[in-house]
Amino acid sequence: MYFFATRFRIAISFMVAILVLALISTSVLANGRVTRFNLLSADPFLISVGTIPETPVAGNLHLTMKVMEKSTSTFVIDAMVIVSGTGPSERATGVGPIVATNNSLDPVFYDVNFSVDEIGKWLFTISIEADPGESDVIFEIEVVESSPVPGIIALAVLITLVTILGLSIRAFVVEQKKNRSRNLS
């Protein structure tokens, strides 16, 4: 009976760990994790622009764009998309120009990665060259100070999961030792 109770506790511990992981995981999207796009008009195009992280912080930044032809409402998949940006002050290191690449899994998306080194308002110029014409649009991003809270939460969850796993393994080892002692007697 005790053997069953120990196995039951181990199984419950693993189920709790899997439940915690399922609750803290994020959804997977075709374009990465961009969930909110800003729609910008640049005749003859409509451009949807999203960032990862959604609230940009100083450091690495990912920009995902979709280009649509206004007159036909079709996505443009063979455009030349170039991104350049300026920071909030003279000290800020500028960005680009960088050519955005088509996403190989979904060619509707154009992706570019870069780094911003200062908190404040950044202005990005997105230049599009495609069959219907050429256009430029300005996209403003507010870069904010990063928060340590997500890192602290992730560390607490990790410590909790490792503790649960360690206690489960310890209970299993203790049960195995007891079974060996009974079998030897």
N, C-alpha and C. Protein backbone atom coordinates (compact mmCIF):
# COMPACT_ATOMS: atom_id res chain seq x y z
N MET A 1 0.83 -1.20 0.00
CA MET A 1 0.00 0.00 0.00
C MET A 1 0.88 1.26 0.00
N TYR A 2 1.94 1.24 0.82
CA TYR A 2 2.82 2.41 0.89
C TYR A 2 3.50 2.64 -0.46
N PHE A 3 3.86 1.57 -1.15
CA PHE A 3 4.51 1.66 -2.45
C PHE A 3 3.59 2.38 -3.44
N PHE A 4 2.30 2.03 -3.44
CA PHE A 4 1.33 2.68 -4.32
C PHE A 4 1.20 4.16 -3.99
N ALA A 5 1.16 4.51 -2.71
CA ALA A 5 1.02 5.91 -2.29
C ALA A 5 2.22 6.74 -2.76
N THR A 6 3.42 6.17 -2.68
CA THR A 6 4.61 6.90 -3.13
C THR A 6 4.57 7.11 -4.64
N ARG A 7 4.23 6.07 -5.38
CA ARG A 7 4.12 6.20 -6.84
C ARG A 7 3.04 7.22 -7.20
N PHE A 8 1.97 7.23 -6.44
CA PHE A 8 0.88 8.17 -6.68
C PHE A 8 1.37 9.60 -6.47
N ARG A 9 2.16 9.85 -5.42
CA ARG A 9 2.71 11.18 -5.17
C ARG A 9 3.64 11.61 -6.29
N ILE A 10 4.44 10.70 -6.78
CA ILE A 10 5.36 11.03 -7.88
C ILE A 10 4.55 11.39 -9.13
N ALA A 11 3.54 10.62 -9.43
CA ALA A 11 2.71 10.90 -10.60
C ALA A 11 2.01 12.25 -10.47
N ILE A 12 1.48 12.54 -9.29
CA ILE A 12 0.82 13.83 -9.05
C ILE A 12 1.82 14.97 -9.20
N SER A 13 3.04 14.80 -8.70
CA SER A 13 4.07 15.84 -8.81
C SER A 13 4.38 16.13 -10.27
N PHE A 14 4.52 15.11 -11.08
CA PHE A 14 4.80 15.32 -12.50
C PHE A 14 3.62 15.97 -13.20
N MET A 15 2.40 15.59 -12.85
CA MET A 15 1.22 16.22 -13.47
C MET A 15 1.14 17.69 -13.10
N VAL A 16 1.46 18.03 -11.86
CA VAL A 16 1.47 19.43 -11.43
C VAL A 16 2.54 20.20 -12.21
N ALA A 17 3.71 19.61 -12.38
CA ALA A 17 4.78 20.27 -13.13
C ALA A 17 4.36 20.50 -14.59
N ILE A 18 3.74 19.52 -15.21
CA ILE A 18 3.29 19.67 -16.60
C ILE A 18 2.19 20.73 -16.68
N LEU A 19 1.29 20.77 -15.72
CA LEU A 19 0.24 21.78 -15.69
C LEU A 19 0.83 23.17 -15.57
N VAL A 20 1.81 23.34 -14.69
CA VAL A 20 2.46 24.65 -14.53
C VAL A 20 3.13 25.06 -15.83
N LEU A 21 3.84 24.15 -16.48
CA LEU A 21 4.48 24.47 -17.76
C LEU A 21 3.46 24.85 -18.82
N ALA A 22 2.33 24.14 -18.86
CA ALA A 22 1.29 24.45 -19.85
C ALA A 22 0.68 25.82 -19.60
N LEU A 23 0.52 26.19 -18.35
CA LEU A 23 -0.08 27.48 -18.03
C LEU A 23 0.84 28.66 -18.33
N ILE A 24 2.16 28.47 -18.20
CA ILE A 24 3.07 29.60 -18.42
C ILE A 24 3.59 29.66 -19.84
N SER A 25 3.30 28.65 -20.67
CA SER A 25 3.80 28.68 -22.04
C SER A 25 2.94 29.62 -22.88
N THR A 26 3.55 30.16 -23.96
CA THR A 26 2.84 31.06 -24.86
C THR A 26 2.47 30.32 -26.14
N SER A 27 1.54 30.89 -26.87
CA SER A 27 1.13 30.26 -28.12
C SER A 27 2.20 30.46 -29.19
N VAL A 28 2.24 29.55 -30.13
CA VAL A 28 3.20 29.62 -31.23
C VAL A 28 2.46 30.11 -32.46
N LEU A 29 2.99 31.16 -33.09
CA LEU A 29 2.38 31.72 -34.27
C LEU A 29 3.33 31.58 -35.45
N ALA A 30 2.81 31.64 -36.66
CA ALA A 30 3.61 31.44 -37.85
C ALA A 30 4.70 32.49 -38.02
N ASN A 31 4.47 33.70 -37.55
CA ASN A 31 5.44 34.76 -37.74
C ASN A 31 6.30 34.98 -36.50
N GLY A 32 6.38 34.02 -35.64
CA GLY A 32 7.11 34.20 -34.40
C GLY A 32 6.12 34.42 -33.29
N ARG A 33 6.26 35.53 -32.59
CA ARG A 33 5.34 35.81 -31.49
C ARG A 33 4.65 37.15 -31.64
N VAL A 34 4.70 37.78 -32.79
CA VAL A 34 4.04 39.07 -32.96
C VAL A 34 2.53 38.83 -32.92
N THR A 35 1.87 39.47 -31.98
CA THR A 35 0.43 39.29 -31.84
C THR A 35 -0.34 40.57 -32.15
N ARG A 36 0.35 41.71 -32.13
CA ARG A 36 -0.33 42.98 -32.41
C ARG A 36 0.42 43.71 -33.52
N PHE A 37 -0.29 44.00 -34.57
CA PHE A 37 0.28 44.73 -35.70
C PHE A 37 -0.32 46.13 -35.77
N ASN A 38 0.52 47.12 -36.10
CA ASN A 38 0.06 48.48 -36.36
C ASN A 38 -0.07 48.64 -37.86
N LEU A 39 -1.20 49.16 -38.31
CA LEU A 39 -1.45 49.34 -39.73
C LEU A 39 -1.04 50.75 -40.14
N LEU A 40 -0.15 50.84 -41.13
CA LEU A 40 0.35 52.13 -41.62
C LEU A 40 0.02 52.25 -43.11
N SER A 41 -0.34 53.44 -43.53
CA SER A 41 -0.67 53.67 -44.92
C SER A 41 0.50 54.35 -45.62
N ALA A 42 0.92 53.78 -46.75
CA ALA A 42 1.99 54.34 -47.57
C ALA A 42 1.62 54.05 -49.02
N ASP A 43 0.87 54.97 -49.64
CA ASP A 43 0.37 54.73 -51.00
C ASP A 43 1.47 54.28 -51.93
N PRO A 44 1.27 53.24 -52.65
CA PRO A 44 0.08 52.41 -52.91
C PRO A 44 -0.02 51.19 -52.00
N PHE A 45 0.57 51.23 -50.80
CA PHE A 45 0.62 50.06 -49.92
C PHE A 45 -0.04 50.33 -48.57
N LEU A 46 -0.43 49.25 -47.92
CA LEU A 46 -0.76 49.23 -46.49
C LEU A 46 0.28 48.33 -45.85
N ILE A 47 0.89 48.79 -44.78
CA ILE A 47 1.95 48.04 -44.12
C ILE A 47 1.52 47.74 -42.69
N SER A 48 1.58 46.47 -42.31
CA SER A 48 1.34 46.06 -40.93
C SER A 48 2.70 45.81 -40.29
N VAL A 49 2.93 46.45 -39.14
CA VAL A 49 4.22 46.34 -38.47
C VAL A 49 4.00 45.88 -37.03
N GLY A 50 4.77 44.87 -36.61
CA GLY A 50 4.73 44.38 -35.24
C GLY A 50 6.13 44.17 -34.71
N THR A 51 6.28 44.18 -33.39
CA THR A 51 7.60 44.03 -32.76
C THR A 51 7.62 42.87 -31.79
N ILE A 52 8.81 42.32 -31.62
CA ILE A 52 9.08 41.37 -30.55
C ILE A 52 10.29 41.92 -29.80
N PRO A 53 10.16 42.21 -28.53
CA PRO A 53 8.99 42.08 -27.66
C PRO A 53 7.93 43.12 -28.01
N GLU A 54 6.69 42.82 -27.61
CA GLU A 54 5.57 43.71 -27.95
C GLU A 54 5.80 45.10 -27.39
N THR A 55 6.32 45.19 -26.17
CA THR A 55 6.74 46.46 -25.59
C THR A 55 8.26 46.49 -25.66
N PRO A 56 8.82 47.18 -26.66
CA PRO A 56 10.27 47.14 -26.87
C PRO A 56 11.07 47.70 -25.69
N VAL A 57 12.18 47.02 -25.40
CA VAL A 57 13.12 47.46 -24.37
C VAL A 57 14.49 47.61 -25.03
N ALA A 58 15.39 48.34 -24.35
CA ALA A 58 16.73 48.50 -24.89
C ALA A 58 17.38 47.13 -25.05
N GLY A 59 17.96 46.90 -26.22
CA GLY A 59 18.56 45.60 -26.53
C GLY A 59 18.07 45.13 -27.88
N ASN A 60 17.99 43.82 -28.04
CA ASN A 60 17.59 43.25 -29.32
C ASN A 60 16.11 43.51 -29.59
N LEU A 61 15.82 43.76 -30.87
CA LEU A 61 14.45 44.04 -31.29
C LEU A 61 14.21 43.34 -32.63
N HIS A 62 13.03 42.75 -32.78
CA HIS A 62 12.65 42.07 -34.01
C HIS A 62 11.43 42.79 -34.58
N LEU A 63 11.50 43.15 -35.85
CA LEU A 63 10.40 43.81 -36.53
C LEU A 63 9.85 42.85 -37.59
N THR A 64 8.54 42.64 -37.59
CA THR A 64 7.88 41.83 -38.60
C THR A 64 6.89 42.72 -39.34
N MET A 65 6.91 42.65 -40.67
CA MET A 65 6.06 43.49 -41.49
C MET A 65 5.32 42.67 -42.52
N LYS A 66 4.11 43.12 -42.86
CA LYS A 66 3.33 42.58 -43.97
C LYS A 66 3.02 43.75 -44.89
N VAL A 67 3.19 43.55 -46.18
CA VAL A 67 2.94 44.60 -47.16
C VAL A 67 1.75 44.18 -48.01
N MET A 68 0.74 45.06 -48.09
CA MET A 68 -0.45 44.78 -48.89
C MET A 68 -0.64 45.89 -49.92
N GLU A 69 -0.99 45.50 -51.14
CA GLU A 69 -1.30 46.47 -52.17
C GLU A 69 -2.72 46.98 -51.92
N LYS A 70 -2.87 48.31 -51.79
CA LYS A 70 -4.18 48.89 -51.45
C LYS A 70 -5.25 48.59 -52.49
N SER A 71 -4.93 48.75 -53.76
CA SER A 71 -5.95 48.65 -54.81
C SER A 71 -6.52 47.24 -54.96
N THR A 72 -5.72 46.22 -54.74
CA THR A 72 -6.19 44.84 -54.92
C THR A 72 -6.38 44.08 -53.61
N SER A 73 -5.95 44.64 -52.51
CA SER A 73 -6.01 43.99 -51.18
C SER A 73 -5.30 42.64 -51.18
N THR A 74 -4.21 42.55 -51.94
CA THR A 74 -3.41 41.32 -51.94
C THR A 74 -2.06 41.60 -51.31
N PHE A 75 -1.52 40.59 -50.65
CA PHE A 75 -0.22 40.74 -50.02
C PHE A 75 0.88 40.71 -51.07
N VAL A 76 1.89 41.53 -50.87
CA VAL A 76 3.03 41.60 -51.78
C VAL A 76 4.13 40.72 -51.20
N ILE A 77 4.56 39.70 -51.97
CA ILE A 77 5.55 38.77 -51.45
C ILE A 77 6.92 38.92 -52.10
N ASP A 78 7.04 39.84 -53.05
CA ASP A 78 8.34 40.01 -53.72
C ASP A 78 8.86 41.44 -53.60
N ALA A 79 8.56 42.09 -52.51
CA ALA A 79 8.98 43.49 -52.31
C ALA A 79 10.39 43.55 -51.74
N MET A 80 11.01 44.69 -51.96
CA MET A 80 12.28 45.02 -51.30
C MET A 80 11.90 45.94 -50.15
N VAL A 81 12.07 45.46 -48.92
CA VAL A 81 11.71 46.23 -47.74
C VAL A 81 13.00 46.57 -47.00
N ILE A 82 13.23 47.87 -46.80
CA ILE A 82 14.45 48.35 -46.15
C ILE A 82 14.06 49.17 -44.92
N VAL A 83 14.69 48.87 -43.79
CA VAL A 83 14.39 49.53 -42.53
C VAL A 83 15.62 50.30 -42.05
N SER A 84 15.40 51.54 -41.65
CA SER A 84 16.46 52.33 -41.01
C SER A 84 15.82 53.12 -39.87
N GLY A 85 16.61 53.46 -38.87
CA GLY A 85 16.03 54.15 -37.73
C GLY A 85 16.99 55.08 -37.03
N THR A 86 16.41 56.04 -36.33
CA THR A 86 17.19 56.99 -35.53
C THR A 86 16.67 56.97 -34.11
N GLY A 87 17.60 57.14 -33.18
CA GLY A 87 17.26 57.10 -31.76
C GLY A 87 16.78 58.42 -31.22
N PRO A 88 16.48 58.43 -29.92
CA PRO A 88 15.91 59.62 -29.28
C PRO A 88 16.93 60.74 -29.03
N SER A 89 18.22 60.42 -29.16
CA SER A 89 19.23 61.46 -28.92
C SER A 89 20.40 61.28 -29.86
N GLU A 90 21.30 62.21 -29.81
CA GLU A 90 22.50 62.16 -30.67
C GLU A 90 23.41 60.98 -30.27
N ARG A 91 23.36 60.58 -28.99
CA ARG A 91 24.22 59.50 -28.50
C ARG A 91 23.78 58.13 -29.00
N ALA A 92 22.50 58.00 -29.34
CA ALA A 92 21.96 56.70 -29.75
C ALA A 92 22.57 56.26 -31.07
N THR A 93 22.89 54.99 -31.14
CA THR A 93 23.41 54.41 -32.37
C THR A 93 22.26 54.19 -33.33
N GLY A 94 22.38 54.71 -34.54
CA GLY A 94 21.32 54.53 -35.54
C GLY A 94 21.22 53.09 -36.00
N VAL A 95 20.13 52.78 -36.66
CA VAL A 95 19.88 51.44 -37.17
C VAL A 95 19.82 51.50 -38.69
N GLY A 96 20.54 50.62 -39.33
CA GLY A 96 20.41 50.39 -40.76
C GLY A 96 21.10 51.38 -41.66
N PRO A 97 20.74 51.31 -42.91
CA PRO A 97 19.61 50.57 -43.48
C PRO A 97 19.85 49.06 -43.51
N ILE A 98 18.78 48.32 -43.21
CA ILE A 98 18.82 46.86 -43.18
C ILE A 98 17.72 46.35 -44.11
N VAL A 99 18.06 45.40 -44.96
CA VAL A 99 17.08 44.79 -45.85
C VAL A 99 16.34 43.69 -45.09
N ALA A 100 15.02 43.79 -45.06
CA ALA A 100 14.20 42.77 -44.39
C ALA A 100 14.11 41.55 -45.29
N THR A 101 14.15 40.38 -44.67
CA THR A 101 14.10 39.13 -45.43
C THR A 101 12.70 38.53 -45.35
N ASN A 102 12.31 37.85 -46.43
CA ASN A 102 11.03 37.12 -46.43
C ASN A 102 11.14 35.95 -45.47
N ASN A 103 10.09 35.73 -44.72
CA ASN A 103 10.01 34.58 -43.85
C ASN A 103 9.86 33.35 -44.73
N SER A 104 10.73 32.36 -44.57
CA SER A 104 10.70 31.18 -45.44
C SER A 104 9.44 30.33 -45.24
N LEU A 105 8.86 30.36 -44.06
CA LEU A 105 7.65 29.57 -43.81
C LEU A 105 6.39 30.26 -44.32
N ASP A 106 6.40 31.59 -44.32
CA ASP A 106 5.25 32.36 -44.78
C ASP A 106 5.77 33.62 -45.45
N PRO A 107 5.90 33.63 -46.78
CA PRO A 107 6.53 34.75 -47.49
C PRO A 107 5.78 36.06 -47.42
N VAL A 108 4.61 36.09 -46.80
CA VAL A 108 3.87 37.34 -46.62
C VAL A 108 4.60 38.23 -45.61
N PHE A 109 5.35 37.62 -44.70
CA PHE A 109 6.03 38.35 -43.64
C PHE A 109 7.45 38.71 -44.04
N TYR A 110 7.85 39.91 -43.68
CA TYR A 110 9.23 40.39 -43.85
C TYR A 110 9.78 40.63 -42.46
N ASP A 111 10.96 40.08 -42.18
CA ASP A 111 11.54 40.14 -40.83
C ASP A 111 12.88 40.85 -40.85
N VAL A 112 13.16 41.56 -39.77
CA VAL A 112 14.46 42.20 -39.59
C VAL A 112 14.79 42.22 -38.09
N ASN A 113 16.05 41.95 -37.77
CA ASN A 113 16.53 41.98 -36.39
C ASN A 113 17.59 43.05 -36.25
N PHE A 114 17.54 43.77 -35.14
CA PHE A 114 18.55 44.79 -34.87
C PHE A 114 18.55 45.09 -33.38
N SER A 115 19.39 46.02 -32.99
CA SER A 115 19.52 46.35 -31.58
C SER A 115 19.31 47.85 -31.38
N VAL A 116 18.57 48.20 -30.34
CA VAL A 116 18.40 49.60 -29.95
C VAL A 116 19.10 49.78 -28.61
N ASP A 117 19.85 50.87 -28.48
CA ASP A 117 20.69 51.03 -27.30
C ASP A 117 20.27 52.12 -26.33
N GLU A 118 19.10 52.71 -26.56
CA GLU A 118 18.69 53.82 -25.69
C GLU A 118 17.19 53.82 -25.50
N ILE A 119 16.76 54.22 -24.30
CA ILE A 119 15.34 54.33 -23.97
C ILE A 119 14.80 55.64 -24.55
N GLY A 120 13.58 55.60 -25.09
CA GLY A 120 12.94 56.79 -25.65
C GLY A 120 12.25 56.47 -26.97
N LYS A 121 11.87 57.54 -27.69
CA LYS A 121 11.16 57.38 -28.97
C LYS A 121 12.15 57.20 -30.12
N TRP A 122 12.00 56.09 -30.82
CA TRP A 122 12.80 55.79 -32.00
C TRP A 122 11.91 55.95 -33.22
N LEU A 123 12.45 56.53 -34.27
CA LEU A 123 11.72 56.68 -35.52
C LEU A 123 12.36 55.79 -36.58
N PHE A 124 11.55 54.91 -37.15
CA PHE A 124 12.03 53.99 -38.17
C PHE A 124 11.38 54.34 -39.50
N THR A 125 12.20 54.37 -40.53
CA THR A 125 11.71 54.58 -41.89
C THR A 125 11.68 53.22 -42.57
N ILE A 126 10.50 52.86 -43.06
CA ILE A 126 10.34 51.61 -43.79
C ILE A 126 10.14 51.97 -45.26
N SER A 127 11.08 51.55 -46.08
CA SER A 127 11.02 51.83 -47.53
C SER A 127 10.62 50.56 -48.26
N ILE A 128 9.62 50.69 -49.14
CA ILE A 128 9.13 49.54 -49.89
C ILE A 128 9.28 49.81 -51.37
N GLU A 129 9.86 48.84 -52.06
CA GLU A 129 9.94 48.88 -53.52
C GLU A 129 9.32 47.57 -54.03
N ALA A 130 8.26 47.71 -54.82
CA ALA A 130 7.58 46.54 -55.37
C ALA A 130 6.94 46.91 -56.69
N ASP A 131 6.27 45.95 -57.32
CA ASP A 131 5.68 46.15 -58.64
C ASP A 131 4.75 47.35 -58.73
N PRO A 132 3.84 47.57 -57.77
CA PRO A 132 2.94 48.72 -57.93
C PRO A 132 3.62 50.08 -57.70
N GLY A 133 4.82 50.13 -57.16
CA GLY A 133 5.48 51.42 -56.92
C GLY A 133 6.43 51.39 -55.75
N GLU A 134 6.84 52.59 -55.32
CA GLU A 134 7.74 52.75 -54.19
C GLU A 134 7.10 53.66 -53.17
N SER A 135 7.43 53.43 -51.89
CA SER A 135 6.87 54.26 -50.85
C SER A 135 7.71 54.16 -49.58
N ASP A 136 7.63 55.20 -48.77
CA ASP A 136 8.29 55.24 -47.46
C ASP A 136 7.23 55.56 -46.42
N VAL A 137 7.41 55.00 -45.24
CA VAL A 137 6.52 55.30 -44.13
C VAL A 137 7.36 55.37 -42.85
N ILE A 138 6.96 56.24 -41.93
CA ILE A 138 7.64 56.40 -40.65
C ILE A 138 6.86 55.63 -39.59
N PHE A 139 7.59 54.83 -38.80
CA PHE A 139 7.00 54.04 -37.73
C PHE A 139 7.70 54.42 -36.43
N GLU A 140 6.93 54.80 -35.42
CA GLU A 140 7.50 55.23 -34.14
C GLU A 140 7.39 54.11 -33.12
N ILE A 141 8.49 53.89 -32.41
CA ILE A 141 8.52 52.88 -31.35
C ILE A 141 9.01 53.54 -30.07
N GLU A 142 8.29 53.31 -28.99
CA GLU A 142 8.70 53.80 -27.67
C GLU A 142 9.45 52.68 -26.97
N VAL A 143 10.76 52.86 -26.79
CA VAL A 143 11.60 51.88 -26.11
C VAL A 143 11.58 52.23 -24.62
N VAL A 144 11.21 51.25 -23.79
CA VAL A 144 11.08 51.49 -22.35
C VAL A 144 12.16 50.71 -21.59
N GLU A 145 12.28 51.03 -20.31
CA GLU A 145 13.23 50.34 -19.44
C GLU A 145 12.71 48.94 -19.15
N SER A 146 13.61 47.97 -19.18
CA SER A 146 13.18 46.59 -18.95
C SER A 146 12.85 46.36 -17.47
N SER A 147 11.94 45.42 -17.24
CA SER A 147 11.52 45.09 -15.89
C SER A 147 12.15 43.75 -15.48
N PRO A 148 12.63 43.66 -14.23
CA PRO A 148 13.21 42.39 -13.77
C PRO A 148 12.15 41.37 -13.34
N VAL A 149 10.88 41.76 -13.30
CA VAL A 149 9.83 40.88 -12.78
C VAL A 149 9.71 39.57 -13.57
N PRO A 150 9.66 39.58 -14.92
CA PRO A 150 9.54 38.30 -15.63
C PRO A 150 10.71 37.35 -15.34
N GLY A 151 11.91 37.87 -15.23
CA GLY A 151 13.06 37.02 -14.90
C GLY A 151 12.94 36.42 -13.51
N ILE A 152 12.47 37.21 -12.57
CA ILE A 152 12.30 36.72 -11.19
C ILE A 152 11.23 35.63 -11.14
N ILE A 153 10.13 35.85 -11.86
CA ILE A 153 9.05 34.85 -11.90
C ILE A 153 9.56 33.56 -12.54
N ALA A 154 10.29 33.68 -13.66
CA ALA A 154 10.83 32.50 -14.34
C ALA A 154 11.77 31.73 -13.42
N LEU A 155 12.62 32.45 -12.68
CA LEU A 155 13.54 31.80 -11.75
C LEU A 155 12.78 31.08 -10.63
N ALA A 156 11.73 31.72 -10.09
CA ALA A 156 10.94 31.09 -9.03
C ALA A 156 10.25 29.82 -9.53
N VAL A 157 9.71 29.87 -10.76
CA VAL A 157 9.06 28.69 -11.34
C VAL A 157 10.08 27.58 -11.55
N LEU A 158 11.26 27.94 -12.06
CA LEU A 158 12.31 26.94 -12.28
C LEU A 158 12.73 26.29 -10.97
N ILE A 159 12.95 27.09 -9.93
CA ILE A 159 13.34 26.54 -8.62
C ILE A 159 12.25 25.62 -8.08
N THR A 160 10.99 26.02 -8.24
CA THR A 160 9.87 25.20 -7.78
C THR A 160 9.83 23.86 -8.51
N LEU A 161 10.00 23.90 -9.84
CA LEU A 161 9.97 22.65 -10.61
C LEU A 161 11.14 21.74 -10.26
N VAL A 162 12.32 22.30 -10.08
CA VAL A 162 13.48 21.50 -9.70
C VAL A 162 13.28 20.90 -8.31
N THR A 163 12.69 21.67 -7.40
CA THR A 163 12.41 21.16 -6.05
C THR A 163 11.41 20.00 -6.10
N ILE A 164 10.35 20.16 -6.88
CA ILE A 164 9.35 19.09 -7.02
C ILE A 164 10.00 17.84 -7.60
N LEU A 165 10.79 18.03 -8.64
CA LEU A 165 11.46 16.89 -9.26
C LEU A 165 12.43 16.23 -8.28
N GLY A 166 13.20 17.02 -7.54
CA GLY A 166 14.15 16.47 -6.56
C GLY A 166 13.45 15.69 -5.46
N LEU A 167 12.37 16.25 -4.94
CA LEU A 167 11.62 15.54 -3.89
C LEU A 167 10.99 14.25 -4.41
N SER A 168 10.54 14.29 -5.66
CA SER A 168 9.96 13.08 -6.25
C SER A 168 11.02 12.00 -6.41
N ILE A 169 12.18 12.38 -6.91
CA ILE A 169 13.27 11.40 -7.07
C ILE A 169 13.71 10.87 -5.71
N ARG A 170 13.80 11.75 -4.71
CA ARG A 170 14.20 11.33 -3.36
C ARG A 170 13.19 10.32 -2.80
N ALA A 171 11.89 10.60 -2.97
CA ALA A 171 10.88 9.68 -2.48
C ALA A 171 10.97 8.33 -3.19
N PHE A 172 11.25 8.35 -4.46
CA PHE A 172 11.39 7.11 -5.23
C PHE A 172 12.59 6.31 -4.74
N VAL A 173 13.72 6.97 -4.51
CA VAL A 173 14.94 6.29 -4.04
C VAL A 173 14.71 5.70 -2.65
N VAL A 174 14.08 6.45 -1.76
CA VAL A 174 13.81 5.96 -0.41
C VAL A 174 12.90 4.73 -0.47
N GLU A 175 11.91 4.76 -1.34
CA GLU A 175 11.00 3.62 -1.49
C GLU A 175 11.75 2.40 -2.02
N GLN A 176 12.64 2.60 -2.96
CA GLN A 176 13.43 1.49 -3.51
C GLN A 176 14.30 0.86 -2.42
N LYS A 177 14.91 1.70 -1.58
CA LYS A 177 15.75 1.18 -0.49
C LYS A 177 14.92 0.36 0.49
N LYS A 178 13.71 0.84 0.80
CA LYS A 178 12.83 0.10 1.72
C LYS A 178 12.44 -1.24 1.13
N ASN A 179 12.16 -1.26 -0.16
CA ASN A 179 11.79 -2.52 -0.82
C ASN A 179 12.96 -3.51 -0.79
N ARG A 180 14.17 -3.03 -1.00
CA ARG A 180 15.34 -3.92 -0.95
C ARG A 180 15.54 -4.48 0.45
N SER A 181 15.32 -3.63 1.46
CA SER A 181 15.46 -4.09 2.85
C SER A 181 14.42 -5.16 3.16
N ARG A 182 13.21 -5.00 2.70
CA ARG A 182 12.15 -6.00 2.95
C ARG A 182 12.46 -7.31 2.23
N ASN A 183 12.97 -7.20 1.01
CA ASN A 183 13.27 -8.40 0.24
C ASN A 183 14.45 -9.17 0.83
N LEU A 184 15.39 -8.48 1.45
CA LEU A 184 16.54 -9.14 2.06
C LEU A 184 16.19 -9.82 3.37
N SER A 185 15.15 -9.33 4.05
CA SER A 185 14.78 -9.90 5.35
C SER A 185 14.09 -11.21 5.25
